[in-house]
Amino acid sequence: MTTDSPMPSPPFPSTDNAVLRLIVSNAIKAVHSGEVSVEDAILHAAVHSWYEGHIHGEDECPGCDFRGELPKGIKRG
């Protein structure tokens, strides 16, 4: 994928998402300050970015299910 390719639908937030930029900025600051290791900062940023993408997807398409054929609200396995 090139950098000018459109991002897929959730769980990926858009690259201009303010919360995504804050998550990445905070991860960089935490590493530079010595609060966390690079690995911990990457893990933290990945998890929170994934979640932000999920929220963005639900805002874009309420009622959509991006995880398979079961409708939203149905208990999975």
Protein backbone atom coordinates (compact mmCIF):
# COMPACT_ATOMS: atom_id res chain seq x y z
CA MET A 1 0.00 0.00 0.00
CA THR A 2 1.37 3.40 -0.91
CA THR A 3 0.98 6.40 1.33
CA ASP A 4 -1.50 7.99 -1.09
CA SER A 5 -3.78 4.92 -1.06
CA PRO A 6 -7.08 5.35 0.75
CA MET A 7 -7.27 3.69 4.14
CA PRO A 8 -9.68 0.78 4.45
CA SER A 9 -12.83 1.03 6.50
CA PRO A 10 -12.58 0.67 10.29
CA PRO A 11 -10.76 -0.20 12.46
CA PHE A 12 -8.37 2.34 10.97
CA PRO A 13 -8.92 6.01 11.87
CA SER A 14 -8.35 8.53 9.10
CA THR A 15 -4.80 9.85 8.96
CA ASP A 16 -6.02 13.39 9.73
CA ASN A 17 -7.93 12.29 12.84
CA ALA A 18 -7.09 14.64 15.75
CA VAL A 19 -7.30 11.86 18.33
CA LEU A 20 -4.92 9.68 16.30
CA ARG A 21 -2.42 12.54 16.14
CA LEU A 22 -2.73 13.02 19.92
CA ILE A 23 -2.18 9.29 20.55
CA VAL A 24 0.96 9.26 18.40
CA SER A 25 2.25 12.50 19.92
CA ASN A 26 1.75 11.17 23.44
CA ALA A 27 3.54 7.93 22.57
CA ILE A 28 6.53 9.86 21.21
CA LYS A 29 6.65 12.11 24.29
CA ALA A 30 6.45 9.10 26.63
CA VAL A 31 9.41 7.46 24.89
CA HIS A 32 11.48 10.65 24.84
CA SER A 33 10.82 11.26 28.54
CA GLY A 34 11.80 7.71 29.45
CA GLU A 35 8.35 6.89 30.86
CA VAL A 36 7.95 3.84 28.62
CA SER A 37 9.93 1.68 26.24
CA VAL A 38 9.47 2.00 22.48
CA GLU A 39 7.66 -1.34 22.49
CA ASP A 40 5.19 -0.20 25.16
CA ALA A 41 4.56 3.08 23.35
CA ILE A 42 3.85 1.24 20.08
CA LEU A 43 1.49 -1.18 21.81
CA HIS A 44 -0.36 1.63 23.58
CA ALA A 45 -0.68 3.67 20.38
CA ALA A 46 -1.81 0.68 18.33
CA VAL A 47 -4.52 -0.36 20.78
CA HIS A 48 -5.89 3.14 21.24
CA SER A 49 -5.73 3.92 17.51
CA TRP A 50 -7.57 0.70 16.71
CA TYR A 51 -10.28 1.67 19.18
CA GLU A 52 -10.50 5.20 17.76
CA GLY A 53 -10.92 3.70 14.28
CA HIS A 54 -13.75 1.53 15.58
CA ILE A 55 -15.52 4.56 17.03
CA HIS A 56 -15.00 6.48 13.79
CA GLY A 57 -16.47 3.56 11.83
CA GLU A 58 -19.57 3.38 13.99
CA ASP A 59 -20.07 7.14 13.58
CA GLU A 60 -19.75 6.81 9.79
CA CYS A 61 -22.07 3.83 9.50
CA PRO A 62 -24.39 3.30 12.48
CA GLY A 63 -25.79 -0.21 12.41
CA CYS A 64 -23.10 -1.57 10.11
CA ASP A 65 -21.23 -4.69 11.09
CA PHE A 66 -17.64 -4.85 9.89
CA ARG A 67 -16.88 -8.14 11.62
CA GLY A 68 -18.92 -10.68 9.68
CA GLU A 69 -22.45 -11.61 8.75
CA LEU A 70 -24.17 -11.44 12.14
CA PRO A 71 -26.17 -8.23 12.67
CA LYS A 72 -25.08 -5.89 15.45
CA GLY A 73 -26.43 -6.72 18.85
CA ILE A 74 -26.34 -10.49 18.30
CA LYS A 75 -24.20 -12.35 20.79
CA ARG A 76 -21.19 -13.95 19.11
CA GLY A 77 -19.90 -17.32 20.20
